[in-house]
Amino acid sequence: MGKDISTEERVEFFNKLVATLPEAIRKGDTMPYTSLNGNMYSYVSKDGFLALRLGATDREVFLEKYNTTLVYAYGIIQKEYVTVPDSLLMKTDELKPYFEMSYQYASSLKPKPTSKGKKKE
């Protein structure tokens, strides 16, 4: 189907996607991600795929349309995150509306207190 892309290329596509939304700020050195009010809403996993956090309706539409799955990471299924296929990741214009939905969903969540001291890097 699509060509295999490297993690570095995925990060470049992720950076390009984040740049489409002025409010979004890319964070993380080893694991690039975006968060709002302490709620992460997108990240490039250690396994190299892009995960997007979406609300229930948008999530169902995305899973169906792109024939993809919820994210399985750290031994659990992350129920609010979808796995973005590489073929879509390479199409920034097509993916952008979902990234915006992800940002909007994160903005609707209750802010989390940040705990700089507890974080393991």
PDB file of N, CA and C in Angstrom:
ATOM      1  N   MET A   1       0.850  -1.194   0.000  1.00  0.00           N
ATOM      2  CA  MET A   1       0.000   0.000   0.000  1.00  0.00           C
ATOM      3  C   MET A   1       0.888   1.247   0.000  1.00  0.00           C
ATOM      4  N   GLY A   2       1.223   1.783   1.167  1.00  0.00           N
ATOM      5  CA  GLY A   2       2.093   2.947   1.234  1.00  0.00           C
ATOM      6  C   GLY A   2       3.504   2.513   1.552  1.00  0.00           C
ATOM      7  N   LYS A   3       4.441   3.413   1.324  1.00  0.00           N
ATOM      8  CA  LYS A   3       5.826   3.059   1.637  1.00  0.00           C
ATOM      9  C   LYS A   3       6.051   3.201   3.142  1.00  0.00           C
ATOM     10  N   ASP A   4       6.991   2.431   3.649  1.00  0.00           N
ATOM     11  CA  ASP A   4       7.335   2.561   5.051  1.00  0.00           C
ATOM     12  C   ASP A   4       8.082   3.870   5.245  1.00  0.00           C
ATOM     13  N   ILE A   5       7.721   4.583   6.296  1.00  0.00           N
ATOM     14  CA  ILE A   5       8.454   5.814   6.581  1.00  0.00           C
ATOM     15  C   ILE A   5       9.132   5.667   7.935  1.00  0.00           C
ATOM     16  N   SER A   6      10.228   6.363   8.094  1.00  0.00           N
ATOM     17  CA  SER A   6      11.003   6.258   9.326  1.00  0.00           C
ATOM     18  C   SER A   6      10.361   7.092  10.438  1.00  0.00           C
ATOM     19  N   THR A   7      10.763   6.821  11.650  1.00  0.00           N
ATOM     20  CA  THR A   7      10.273   7.601  12.785  1.00  0.00           C
ATOM     21  C   THR A   7      10.636   9.068  12.601  1.00  0.00           C
ATOM     22  N   GLU A   8      11.831   9.328  12.092  1.00  0.00           N
ATOM     23  CA  GLU A   8      12.260  10.714  11.863  1.00  0.00           C
ATOM     24  C   GLU A   8      11.315  11.407  10.873  1.00  0.00           C
ATOM     25  N   GLU A   9      10.936  10.676   9.809  1.00  0.00           N
ATOM     26  CA  GLU A   9      10.002  11.253   8.836  1.00  0.00           C
ATOM     27  C   GLU A   9       8.639  11.489   9.480  1.00  0.00           C
ATOM     28  N   ARG A  10       8.206  10.560  10.322  1.00  0.00           N
ATOM     29  CA  ARG A  10       6.925  10.743  11.013  1.00  0.00           C
ATOM     30  C   ARG A  10       6.956  12.001  11.871  1.00  0.00           C
ATOM     31  N   VAL A  11       8.071  12.202  12.567  1.00  0.00           N
ATOM     32  CA  VAL A  11       8.209  13.399  13.413  1.00  0.00           C
ATOM     33  C   VAL A  11       8.167  14.661  12.549  1.00  0.00           C
ATOM     34  N   GLU A  12       8.798  14.613  11.378  1.00  0.00           N
ATOM     35  CA  GLU A  12       8.744  15.765  10.469  1.00  0.00           C
ATOM     36  C   GLU A  12       7.307  16.046  10.036  1.00  0.00           C
ATOM     37  N   PHE A  13       6.556  14.990   9.679  1.00  0.00           N
ATOM     38  CA  PHE A  13       5.143  15.172   9.305  1.00  0.00           C
ATOM     39  C   PHE A  13       4.340  15.687  10.502  1.00  0.00           C
ATOM     40  N   PHE A  14       4.646  15.187  11.703  1.00  0.00           N
ATOM     41  CA  PHE A  14       3.971  15.644  12.919  1.00  0.00           C
ATOM     42  C   PHE A  14       4.251  17.131  13.128  1.00  0.00           C
ATOM     43  N   ASN A  15       5.495  17.541  12.983  1.00  0.00           N
ATOM     44  CA  ASN A  15       5.854  18.955  13.144  1.00  0.00           C
ATOM     45  C   ASN A  15       5.099  19.831  12.143  1.00  0.00           C
ATOM     46  N   LYS A  16       4.990  19.328  10.912  1.00  0.00           N
ATOM     47  CA  LYS A  16       4.267  20.050   9.860  1.00  0.00           C
ATOM     48  C   LYS A  16       2.784  20.179  10.242  1.00  0.00           C
ATOM     49  N   LEU A  17       2.215  19.107  10.778  1.00  0.00           N
ATOM     50  CA  LEU A  17       0.821  19.117  11.213  1.00  0.00           C
ATOM     51  C   LEU A  17       0.614  20.109  12.357  1.00  0.00           C
ATOM     52  N   VAL A  18       1.472  20.064  13.361  1.00  0.00           N
ATOM     53  CA  VAL A  18       1.356  20.968  14.514  1.00  0.00           C
ATOM     54  C   VAL A  18       1.432  22.425  14.056  1.00  0.00           C
ATOM     55  N   ALA A  19       2.273  22.683  13.061  1.00  0.00           N
ATOM     56  CA  ALA A  19       2.440  24.051  12.549  1.00  0.00           C
ATOM     57  C   ALA A  19       1.173  24.593  11.883  1.00  0.00           C
ATOM     58  N   THR A  20       0.227  23.716  11.529  1.00  0.00           N
ATOM     59  CA  THR A  20      -1.015  24.171  10.887  1.00  0.00           C
ATOM     60  C   THR A  20      -1.967  24.813  11.880  1.00  0.00           C
ATOM     61  N   LEU A  21      -1.731  24.624  13.161  1.00  0.00           N
ATOM     62  CA  LEU A  21      -2.617  25.158  14.202  1.00  0.00           C
ATOM     63  C   LEU A  21      -1.796  26.068  15.110  1.00  0.00           C
ATOM     64  N   PRO A  22      -1.949  27.391  14.946  1.00  0.00           N
ATOM     65  CA  PRO A  22      -1.102  28.317  15.706  1.00  0.00           C
ATOM     66  C   PRO A  22      -1.165  28.121  17.228  1.00  0.00           C
ATOM     67  N   GLU A  23      -2.307  27.678  17.745  1.00  0.00           N
ATOM     68  CA  GLU A  23      -2.450  27.490  19.193  1.00  0.00           C
ATOM     69  C   GLU A  23      -1.693  26.268  19.710  1.00  0.00           C
ATOM     70  N   ALA A  24      -1.385  25.336  18.825  1.00  0.00           N
ATOM     71  CA  ALA A  24      -0.737  24.084  19.227  1.00  0.00           C
ATOM     72  C   ALA A  24       0.758  24.306  19.442  1.00  0.00           C
ATOM     73  N   ILE A  25       1.272  23.729  20.507  1.00  0.00           N
ATOM     74  CA  ILE A  25       2.696  23.827  20.808  1.00  0.00           C
ATOM     75  C   ILE A  25       3.269  22.428  20.920  1.00  0.00           C
ATOM     76  N   ARG A  26       4.255  22.144  20.073  1.00  0.00           N
ATOM     77  CA  ARG A  26       4.903  20.838  20.112  1.00  0.00           C
ATOM     78  C   ARG A  26       5.836  20.795  21.308  1.00  0.00           C
ATOM     79  N   LYS A  27       5.753  19.713  22.055  1.00  0.00           N
ATOM     80  CA  LYS A  27       6.585  19.516  23.235  1.00  0.00           C
ATOM     81  C   LYS A  27       7.287  18.175  23.117  1.00  0.00           C
ATOM     82  N   GLY A  28       8.168  17.883  24.064  1.00  0.00           N
ATOM     83  CA  GLY A  28       8.806  16.572  24.114  1.00  0.00           C
ATOM     84  C   GLY A  28       9.986  16.439  23.172  1.00  0.00           C
ATOM     85  N   ASP A  29      11.106  15.969  23.712  1.00  0.00           N
ATOM     86  CA  ASP A  29      12.293  15.756  22.890  1.00  0.00           C
ATOM     87  C   ASP A  29      12.332  14.325  22.369  1.00  0.00           C
ATOM     88  N   THR A  30      12.210  13.353  23.284  1.00  0.00           N
ATOM     89  CA  THR A  30      12.292  11.951  22.868  1.00  0.00           C
ATOM     90  C   THR A  30      10.950  11.442  22.356  1.00  0.00           C
ATOM     91  N   MET A  31       9.850  11.953  22.886  1.00  0.00           N
ATOM     92  CA  MET A  31       8.516  11.574  22.421  1.00  0.00           C
ATOM     93  C   MET A  31       7.738  12.852  22.124  1.00  0.00           C
ATOM     94  N   PRO A  32       7.721  13.276  20.852  1.00  0.00           N
ATOM     95  CA  PRO A  32       7.018  14.521  20.507  1.00  0.00           C
ATOM     96  C   PRO A  32       5.527  14.415  20.812  1.00  0.00           C
ATOM     97  N   TYR A  33       4.970  15.477  21.397  1.00  0.00           N
ATOM     98  CA  TYR A  33       3.544  15.474  21.720  1.00  0.00           C
ATOM     99  C   TYR A  33       3.004  16.891  21.791  1.00  0.00           C
ATOM    100  N   THR A  34       1.670  16.992  21.854  1.00  0.00           N
ATOM    101  CA  THR A  34       1.002  18.262  22.121  1.00  0.00           C
ATOM    102  C   THR A  34       0.061  18.048  23.297  1.00  0.00           C
ATOM    103  N   SER A  35      -0.086  19.087  24.110  1.00  0.00           N
ATOM    104  CA  SER A  35      -1.043  19.014  25.215  1.00  0.00           C
ATOM    105  C   SER A  35      -1.617  20.402  25.454  1.00  0.00           C
ATOM    106  N   LEU A  36      -2.764  20.405  26.102  1.00  0.00           N
ATOM    107  CA  LEU A  36      -3.464  21.642  26.416  1.00  0.00           C
ATOM    108  C   LEU A  36      -4.018  21.503  27.825  1.00  0.00           C
ATOM    109  N   ASN A  37      -3.702  22.447  28.677  1.00  0.00           N
ATOM    110  CA  ASN A  37      -4.162  22.405  30.075  1.00  0.00           C
ATOM    111  C   ASN A  37      -3.810  21.086  30.757  1.00  0.00           C
ATOM    112  N   GLY A  38      -2.652  20.544  30.418  1.00  0.00           N
ATOM    113  CA  GLY A  38      -2.207  19.303  31.045  1.00  0.00           C
ATOM    114  C   GLY A  38      -2.787  18.042  30.437  1.00  0.00           C
ATOM    115  N   ASN A  39      -3.607  18.178  29.405  1.00  0.00           N
ATOM    116  CA  ASN A  39      -4.205  17.020  28.724  1.00  0.00           C
ATOM    117  C   ASN A  39      -3.520  16.811  27.375  1.00  0.00           C
ATOM    118  N   MET A  40      -2.812  15.682  27.240  1.00  0.00           N
ATOM    119  CA  MET A  40      -2.170  15.364  25.973  1.00  0.00           C
ATOM    120  C   MET A  40      -3.252  15.061  24.938  1.00  0.00           C
ATOM    121  N   TYR A  41      -3.043  15.541  23.695  1.00  0.00           N
ATOM    122  CA  TYR A  41      -4.031  15.239  22.657  1.00  0.00           C
ATOM    123  C   TYR A  41      -3.432  14.686  21.375  1.00  0.00           C
ATOM    124  N   SER A  42      -2.127  14.649  21.283  1.00  0.00           N
ATOM    125  CA  SER A  42      -1.490  13.960  20.155  1.00  0.00           C
ATOM    126  C   SER A  42      -0.064  13.627  20.549  1.00  0.00           C
ATOM    127  N   TYR A  43       0.448  12.549  19.999  1.00  0.00           N
ATOM    128  CA  TYR A  43       1.848  12.206  20.239  1.00  0.00           C
ATOM    129  C   TYR A  43       2.347  11.206  19.213  1.00  0.00           C
ATOM    130  N   VAL A  44       3.667  11.219  19.024  1.00  0.00           N
ATOM    131  CA  VAL A  44       4.328  10.205  18.213  1.00  0.00           C
ATOM    132  C   VAL A  44       4.860   9.188  19.205  1.00  0.00           C
ATOM    133  N   SER A  45       4.369   7.959  19.111  1.00  0.00           N
ATOM    134  CA  SER A  45       4.705   6.925  20.092  1.00  0.00           C
ATOM    135  C   SER A  45       6.145   6.435  19.941  1.00  0.00           C
ATOM    136  N   LYS A  46       6.612   5.743  20.957  1.00  0.00           N
ATOM    137  CA  LYS A  46       7.943   5.136  20.885  1.00  0.00           C
ATOM    138  C   LYS A  46       8.006   4.122  19.741  1.00  0.00           C
ATOM    139  N   ASP A  47       6.852   3.541  19.391  1.00  0.00           N
ATOM    140  CA  ASP A  47       6.786   2.595  18.273  1.00  0.00           C
ATOM    141  C   ASP A  47       6.717   3.317  16.927  1.00  0.00           C
ATOM    142  N   GLY A  48       6.630   4.639  16.973  1.00  0.00           N
ATOM    143  CA  GLY A  48       6.722   5.425  15.749  1.00  0.00           C
ATOM    144  C   GLY A  48       5.425   5.803  15.065  1.00  0.00           C
ATOM    145  N   PHE A  49       4.263   5.539  15.658  1.00  0.00           N
ATOM    146  CA  PHE A  49       3.020   5.951  14.997  1.00  0.00           C
ATOM    147  C   PHE A  49       2.471   7.203  15.666  1.00  0.00           C
ATOM    148  N   LEU A  50       1.632   7.923  14.939  1.00  0.00           N
ATOM    149  CA  LEU A  50       0.976   9.104  15.494  1.00  0.00           C
ATOM    150  C   LEU A  50      -0.339   8.686  16.134  1.00  0.00           C
ATOM    151  N   ALA A  51      -0.568   9.175  17.348  1.00  0.00           N
ATOM    152  CA  ALA A  51      -1.825   8.946  18.059  1.00  0.00           C
ATOM    153  C   ALA A  51      -2.536  10.289  18.214  1.00  0.00           C
ATOM    154  N   LEU A  52      -3.846  10.297  17.946  1.00  0.00           N
ATOM    155  CA  LEU A  52      -4.668  11.494  18.124  1.00  0.00           C
ATOM    156  C   LEU A  52      -5.777  11.189  19.109  1.00  0.00           C
ATOM    157  N   ARG A  53      -6.029  12.116  20.027  1.00  0.00           N
ATOM    158  CA  ARG A  53      -7.115  11.963  20.998  1.00  0.00           C
ATOM    159  C   ARG A  53      -8.342  12.658  20.444  1.00  0.00           C
ATOM    160  N   LEU A  54      -9.431  11.908  20.310  1.00  0.00           N
ATOM    161  CA  LEU A  54     -10.658  12.456  19.735  1.00  0.00           C
ATOM    162  C   LEU A  54     -11.850  12.160  20.629  1.00  0.00           C
ATOM    163  N   GLY A  55     -12.859  13.018  20.537  1.00  0.00           N
ATOM    164  CA  GLY A  55     -14.118  12.772  21.226  1.00  0.00           C
ATOM    165  C   GLY A  55     -14.819  11.570  20.606  1.00  0.00           C
ATOM    166  N   ALA A  56     -15.810  11.033  21.293  1.00  0.00           N
ATOM    167  CA  ALA A  56     -16.454   9.778  20.899  1.00  0.00           C
ATOM    168  C   ALA A  56     -16.948   9.758  19.447  1.00  0.00           C
ATOM    169  N   THR A  57     -17.701  10.767  19.031  1.00  0.00           N
ATOM    170  CA  THR A  57     -18.266  10.776  17.684  1.00  0.00           C
ATOM    171  C   THR A  57     -17.174  10.885  16.634  1.00  0.00           C
ATOM    172  N   ASP A  58     -16.265  11.840  16.805  1.00  0.00           N
ATOM    173  CA  ASP A  58     -15.162  12.003  15.848  1.00  0.00           C
ATOM    174  C   ASP A  58     -14.306  10.752  15.786  1.00  0.00           C
ATOM    175  N   ARG A  59     -14.113  10.120  16.932  1.00  0.00           N
ATOM    176  CA  ARG A  59     -13.295   8.901  17.016  1.00  0.00           C
ATOM    177  C   ARG A  59     -13.918   7.788  16.181  1.00  0.00           C
ATOM    178  N   GLU A  60     -15.221   7.577  16.327  1.00  0.00           N
ATOM    179  CA  GLU A  60     -15.908   6.521  15.565  1.00  0.00           C
ATOM    180  C   GLU A  60     -15.815   6.772  14.070  1.00  0.00           C
ATOM    181  N   VAL A  61     -16.019   8.024  13.663  1.00  0.00           N
ATOM    182  CA  VAL A  61     -15.935   8.387  12.242  1.00  0.00           C
ATOM    183  C   VAL A  61     -14.528   8.117  11.716  1.00  0.00           C
ATOM    184  N   PHE A  62     -13.526   8.525  12.473  1.00  0.00           N
ATOM    185  CA  PHE A  62     -12.127   8.352  12.066  1.00  0.00           C
ATOM    186  C   PHE A  62     -11.781   6.870  11.936  1.00  0.00           C
ATOM    187  N   LEU A  63     -12.143   6.073  12.933  1.00  0.00           N
ATOM    188  CA  LEU A  63     -11.834   4.633  12.917  1.00  0.00           C
ATOM    189  C   LEU A  63     -12.441   3.966  11.690  1.00  0.00           C
ATOM    190  N   GLU A  64     -13.682   4.328  11.396  1.00  0.00           N
ATOM    191  CA  GLU A  64     -14.392   3.747  10.249  1.00  0.00           C
ATOM    192  C   GLU A  64     -13.786   4.220   8.925  1.00  0.00           C
ATOM    193  N   LYS A  65     -13.609   5.529   8.795  1.00  0.00           N
ATOM    194  CA  LYS A  65     -13.144   6.117   7.534  1.00  0.00           C
ATOM    195  C   LYS A  65     -11.746   5.636   7.155  1.00  0.00           C
ATOM    196  N   TYR A  66     -10.858   5.524   8.143  1.00  0.00           N
ATOM    197  CA  TYR A  66      -9.461   5.186   7.848  1.00  0.00           C
ATOM    198  C   TYR A  66      -9.111   3.744   8.194  1.00  0.00           C
ATOM    199  N   ASN A  67     -10.138   2.949   8.546  1.00  0.00           N
ATOM    200  CA  ASN A  67      -9.947   1.529   8.823  1.00  0.00           C
ATOM    201  C   ASN A  67      -8.742   1.302   9.742  1.00  0.00           C
ATOM    202  N   THR A  68      -8.769   2.005  10.874  1.00  0.00           N
ATOM    203  CA  THR A  68      -7.659   1.928  11.815  1.00  0.00           C
ATOM    204  C   THR A  68      -8.172   1.500  13.184  1.00  0.00           C
ATOM    205  N   THR A  69      -7.339   1.579  14.186  1.00  0.00           N
ATOM    206  CA  THR A  69      -7.671   1.052  15.504  1.00  0.00           C
ATOM    207  C   THR A  69      -7.433   2.088  16.600  1.00  0.00           C
ATOM    208  N   LEU A  70      -7.955   1.766  17.764  1.00  0.00           N
ATOM    209  CA  LEU A  70      -7.600   2.536  18.947  1.00  0.00           C
ATOM    210  C   LEU A  70      -6.129   2.252  19.237  1.00  0.00           C
ATOM    211  N   VAL A  71      -5.498   3.134  19.973  1.00  0.00           N
ATOM    212  CA  VAL A  71      -4.074   2.978  20.282  1.00  0.00           C
ATOM    213  C   VAL A  71      -3.879   1.932  21.378  1.00  0.00           C
ATOM    214  N   TYR A  72      -2.957   1.025  21.122  1.00  0.00           N
ATOM    215  CA  TYR A  72      -2.537   0.056  22.127  1.00  0.00           C
ATOM    216  C   TYR A  72      -1.109   0.431  22.498  1.00  0.00           C
ATOM    217  N   ALA A  73      -0.929   0.859  23.721  1.00  0.00           N
ATOM    218  CA  ALA A  73       0.407   1.271  24.166  1.00  0.00           C
ATOM    219  C   ALA A  73       0.523   1.029  25.661  1.00  0.00           C
ATOM    220  N   TYR A  74       1.728   0.765  26.095  1.00  0.00           N
ATOM    221  CA  TYR A  74       1.993   0.549  27.523  1.00  0.00           C
ATOM    222  C   TYR A  74       1.112  -0.550  28.107  1.00  0.00           C
ATOM    223  N   GLY A  75       0.809  -1.566  27.286  1.00  0.00           N
ATOM    224  CA  GLY A  75       0.038  -2.707  27.752  1.00  0.00           C
ATOM    225  C   GLY A  75      -1.456  -2.482  27.899  1.00  0.00           C
ATOM    226  N   ILE A  76      -1.955  -1.324  27.448  1.00  0.00           N
ATOM    227  CA  ILE A  76      -3.396  -1.043  27.551  1.00  0.00           C
ATOM    228  C   ILE A  76      -3.913  -0.435  26.251  1.00  0.00           C
ATOM    229  N   ILE A  77      -5.223  -0.501  26.078  1.00  0.00           N
ATOM    230  CA  ILE A  77      -5.852   0.201  24.960  1.00  0.00           C
ATOM    231  C   ILE A  77      -6.196   1.599  25.458  1.00  0.00           C
ATOM    232  N   GLN A  78      -5.678   2.596  24.772  1.00  0.00           N
ATOM    233  CA  GLN A  78      -5.984   3.987  25.129  1.00  0.00           C
ATOM    234  C   GLN A  78      -7.282   4.350  24.408  1.00  0.00           C
ATOM    235  N   LYS A  79      -8.384   4.265  25.138  1.00  0.00           N
ATOM    236  CA  LYS A  79      -9.720   4.335  24.543  1.00  0.00           C
ATOM    237  C   LYS A  79     -10.045   5.636  23.809  1.00  0.00           C
ATOM    238  N   GLU A  80      -9.366   6.738  24.140  1.00  0.00           N
ATOM    239  CA  GLU A  80      -9.680   8.007  23.478  1.00  0.00           C
ATOM    240  C   GLU A  80      -8.740   8.312  22.314  1.00  0.00           C
ATOM    241  N   TYR A  81      -7.752   7.465  22.095  1.00  0.00           N
ATOM    242  CA  TYR A  81      -6.752   7.728  21.053  1.00  0.00           C
ATOM    243  C   TYR A  81      -6.899   6.794  19.863  1.00  0.00           C
ATOM    244  N   VAL A  82      -6.777   7.371  18.660  1.00  0.00           N
ATOM    245  CA  VAL A  82      -6.798   6.586  17.431  1.00  0.00           C
ATOM    246  C   VAL A  82      -5.384   6.531  16.857  1.00  0.00           C
ATOM    247  N   THR A  83      -5.084   5.436  16.186  1.00  0.00           N
ATOM    248  CA  THR A  83      -3.808   5.282  15.493  1.00  0.00           C
ATOM    249  C   THR A  83      -3.956   5.897  14.103  1.00  0.00           C
ATOM    250  N   VAL A  84      -3.100   6.863  13.784  1.00  0.00           N
ATOM    251  CA  VAL A  84      -3.158   7.522  12.483  1.00  0.00           C
ATOM    252  C   VAL A  84      -2.311   6.720  11.488  1.00  0.00           C
ATOM    253  N   PRO A  85      -2.940   6.219  10.415  1.00  0.00           N
ATOM    254  CA  PRO A  85      -2.162   5.476   9.411  1.00  0.00           C
ATOM    255  C   PRO A  85      -1.119   6.390   8.760  1.00  0.00           C
ATOM    256  N   ASP A  86       0.049   5.824   8.439  1.00  0.00           N
ATOM    257  CA  ASP A  86       1.100   6.620   7.794  1.00  0.00           C
ATOM    258  C   ASP A  86       0.610   7.278   6.510  1.00  0.00           C
ATOM    259  N   SER A  87      -0.248   6.562   5.771  1.00  0.00           N
ATOM    260  CA  SER A  87      -0.753   7.110   4.509  1.00  0.00           C
ATOM    261  C   SER A  87      -1.513   8.420   4.741  1.00  0.00           C
ATOM    262  N   LEU A  88      -2.169   8.550   5.893  1.00  0.00           N
ATOM    263  CA  LEU A  88      -2.876   9.784   6.235  1.00  0.00           C
ATOM    264  C   LEU A  88      -1.912  10.806   6.830  1.00  0.00           C
ATOM    265  N   LEU A  89      -0.975  10.356   7.639  1.00  0.00           N
ATOM    266  CA  LEU A  89       0.006  11.259   8.248  1.00  0.00           C
ATOM    267  C   LEU A  89       0.744  12.071   7.178  1.00  0.00           C
ATOM    268  N   MET A  90       0.979  11.433   6.019  1.00  0.00           N
ATOM    269  CA  MET A  90       1.696  12.103   4.937  1.00  0.00           C
ATOM    270  C   MET A  90       0.817  13.094   4.182  1.00  0.00           C
ATOM    271  N   LYS A  91      -0.488  13.141   4.510  1.00  0.00           N
ATOM    272  CA  LYS A  91      -1.424  14.064   3.853  1.00  0.00           C
ATOM    273  C   LYS A  91      -1.861  15.110   4.882  1.00  0.00           C
ATOM    274  N   THR A  92      -0.990  16.067   5.137  1.00  0.00           N
ATOM    275  CA  THR A  92      -1.236  17.071   6.175  1.00  0.00           C
ATOM    276  C   THR A  92      -2.590  17.756   6.013  1.00  0.00           C
ATOM    277  N   ASP A  93      -2.954  18.126   4.776  1.00  0.00           N
ATOM    278  CA  ASP A  93      -4.216  18.840   4.557  1.00  0.00           C
ATOM    279  C   ASP A  93      -5.429  17.993   4.934  1.00  0.00           C
ATOM    280  N   GLU A  94      -5.347  16.688   4.672  1.00  0.00           N
ATOM    281  CA  GLU A  94      -6.459  15.791   4.995  1.00  0.00           C
ATOM    282  C   GLU A  94      -6.525  15.508   6.500  1.00  0.00           C
ATOM    283  N   LEU A  95      -5.380  15.463   7.137  1.00  0.00           N
ATOM    284  CA  LEU A  95      -5.311  15.159   8.565  1.00  0.00           C
ATOM    285  C   LEU A  95      -5.608  16.376   9.440  1.00  0.00           C
ATOM    286  N   LYS A  96      -5.351  17.565   8.915  1.00  0.00           N
ATOM    287  CA  LYS A  96      -5.492  18.806   9.687  1.00  0.00           C
ATOM    288  C   LYS A  96      -6.850  18.953  10.409  1.00  0.00           C
ATOM    289  N   PRO A  97      -7.990  18.687   9.759  1.00  0.00           N
ATOM    290  CA  PRO A  97      -9.267  18.840  10.477  1.00  0.00           C
ATOM    291  C   PRO A  97      -9.354  17.938  11.718  1.00  0.00           C
ATOM    292  N   TYR A  98      -8.765  16.741  11.636  1.00  0.00           N
ATOM    293  CA  TYR A  98      -8.805  15.829  12.778  1.00  0.00           C
ATOM    294  C   TYR A  98      -7.890  16.324  13.898  1.00  0.00           C
ATOM    295  N   PHE A  99      -6.774  16.925  13.508  1.00  0.00           N
ATOM    296  CA  PHE A  99      -5.878  17.511  14.506  1.00  0.00           C
ATOM    297  C   PHE A  99      -6.596  18.664  15.213  1.00  0.00           C
ATOM    298  N   GLU A 100      -7.343  19.456  14.453  1.00  0.00           N
ATOM    299  CA  GLU A 100      -8.116  20.555  15.048  1.00  0.00           C
ATOM    300  C   GLU A 100      -9.208  20.009  15.976  1.00  0.00           C
ATOM    301  N   MET A 101      -9.867  18.912  15.566  1.00  0.00           N
ATOM    302  CA  MET A 101     -10.878  18.282  16.433  1.00  0.00           C
ATOM    303  C   MET A 101     -10.236  17.789  17.720  1.00  0.00           C
ATOM    304  N   SER A 102      -9.041  17.254  17.595  1.00  0.00           N
ATOM    305  CA  SER A 102      -8.308  16.754  18.746  1.00  0.00           C
ATOM    306  C   SER A 102      -8.000  17.896  19.715  1.00  0.00           C
ATOM    307  N   TYR A 103      -7.571  19.024  19.170  1.00  0.00           N
ATOM    308  CA  TYR A 103      -7.293  20.213  19.983  1.00  0.00           C
ATOM    309  C   TYR A 103      -8.572  20.694  20.673  1.00  0.00           C
ATOM    310  N   GLN A 104      -9.667  20.749  19.907  1.00  0.00           N
ATOM    311  CA  GLN A 104     -10.950  21.188  20.471  1.00  0.00           C
ATOM    312  C   GLN A 104     -11.404  20.254  21.598  1.00  0.00           C
ATOM    313  N   TYR A 105     -11.227  18.948  21.384  1.00  0.00           N
ATOM    314  CA  TYR A 105     -11.604  17.975  22.403  1.00  0.00           C
ATOM    315  C   TYR A 105     -10.776  18.201  23.669  1.00  0.00           C
ATOM    316  N   ALA A 106      -9.474  18.392  23.502  1.00  0.00           N
ATOM    317  CA  ALA A 106      -8.598  18.634  24.662  1.00  0.00           C
ATOM    318  C   ALA A 106      -9.014  19.905  25.390  1.00  0.00           C
ATOM    319  N   SER A 107      -9.459  20.912  24.641  1.00  0.00           N
ATOM    320  CA  SER A 107      -9.855  22.177  25.271  1.00  0.00           C
ATOM    321  C   SER A 107     -11.143  22.020  26.076  1.00  0.00           C
ATOM    322  N   SER A 108     -11.914  20.955  25.791  1.00  0.00           N
ATOM    323  CA  SER A 108     -13.167  20.717  26.522  1.00  0.00           C
ATOM    324  C   SER A 108     -12.940  19.913  27.806  1.00  0.00           C
ATOM    325  N   LEU A 109     -11.746  19.347  27.957  1.00  0.00           N
ATOM    326  CA  LEU A 109     -11.458  18.519  29.126  1.00  0.00           C
ATOM    327  C   LEU A 109     -11.087  19.377  30.327  1.00  0.00           C
ATOM    328  N   LYS A 110     -11.300  18.818  31.504  1.00  0.00           N
ATOM    329  CA  LYS A 110     -10.954  19.501  32.735  1.00  0.00           C
ATOM    330  C   LYS A 110      -9.426  19.664  32.815  1.00  0.00           C
ATOM    331  N   PRO A 111      -8.938  20.873  33.075  1.00  0.00           N
ATOM    332  CA  PRO A 111      -7.490  21.055  33.175  1.00  0.00           C
ATOM    333  C   PRO A 111      -6.885  20.170  34.261  1.00  0.00           C
ATOM    334  N   LYS A 112      -5.715  19.644  33.962  1.00  0.00           N
ATOM    335  CA  LYS A 112      -5.005  18.806  34.932  1.00  0.00           C
ATOM    336  C   LYS A 112      -3.913  19.652  35.579  1.00  0.00           C
ATOM    337  N   PRO A 113      -3.731  19.495  36.877  1.00  0.00           N
ATOM    338  CA  PRO A 113      -2.612  20.215  37.497  1.00  0.00           C
ATOM    339  C   PRO A 113      -1.301  19.604  36.990  1.00  0.00           C
ATOM    340  N   THR A 114      -0.359  20.468  36.671  1.00  0.00           N
ATOM    341  CA  THR A 114       0.924  19.954  36.200  1.00  0.00           C
ATOM    342  C   THR A 114       1.778  19.603  37.414  1.00  0.00           C
ATOM    343  N   SER A 115       2.480  18.499  37.308  1.00  0.00           N
ATOM    344  CA  SER A 115       3.330  18.055  38.404  1.00  0.00           C
ATOM    345  C   SER A 115       4.728  17.798  37.878  1.00  0.00           C
ATOM    346  N   LYS A 116       5.497  18.852  37.788  1.00  0.00           N
ATOM    347  CA  LYS A 116       6.846  18.766  37.229  1.00  0.00           C
ATOM    348  C   LYS A 116       7.720  17.788  38.029  1.00  0.00           C
ATOM    349  N   GLY A 117       7.548  17.727  39.335  1.00  0.00           N
ATOM    350  CA  GLY A 117       8.401  16.904  40.178  1.00  0.00           C
ATOM    351  C   GLY A 117       8.263  15.414  39.964  1.00  0.00           C
ATOM    352  N   LYS A 118       7.055  14.945  39.635  1.00  0.00           N
ATOM    353  CA  LYS A 118       6.782  13.509  39.543  1.00  0.00           C
ATOM    354  C   LYS A 118       7.158  12.899  38.208  1.00  0.00           C
ATOM    355  N   LYS A 119       7.299  13.727  37.189  1.00  0.00           N
ATOM    356  CA  LYS A 119       7.468  13.219  35.829  1.00  0.00           C
ATOM    357  C   LYS A 119       8.811  12.497  35.646  1.00  0.00           C
ATOM    358  N   LYS A 120       8.734  11.309  35.077  1.00  0.00           N
ATOM    359  CA  LYS A 120       9.954  10.547  34.775  1.00  0.00           C
ATOM    360  C   LYS A 120      10.282  10.759  33.302  1.00  0.00           C
ATOM    361  N   GLU A 121      11.502  11.115  33.003  1.00  0.00           N
ATOM    362  CA  GLU A 121      11.926  11.291  31.606  1.00  0.00           C
ATOM    363  C   GLU A 121      13.083  10.385  31.311  1.00  0.00           C
TER     364      GLU A 121
END
